[in-house]
């Protein structure tokens, strides 16, 4: 019984891995090569990074003020901080992947960006 559940679970996990790969391909525009699409998307990701940097500064200032005035930290504050950090890592990874692909595409004659 346990073996059947594990084998069934592995198939479901493979579906999630495949879904994650498809999502990553979509976020990094792996099948898109037109400059009319890539450059605005790159600018959008850059603006997202700037906005997330603003939110990180706001989070730090808020945490300092909360600490100075001895206000107890709320669990919502920590949840939002964790989500912001995860979103920042994802945006940075997407941006770096797009920039690397652009550099590789400029060096290669087969890939055009």
Foldseek 3Di string as FASTA:
>chain_A
DVVVVVVVVVVVVVVVVVVVVVVLCVLLVVVDFDPVPLVVSLVVLVVVLVVLVVVVVVLVVVVVVCVVVVPDDDVVSVVVVVVSVVVNVVSVVSNVSNVVVCVVQVVDPVGHD
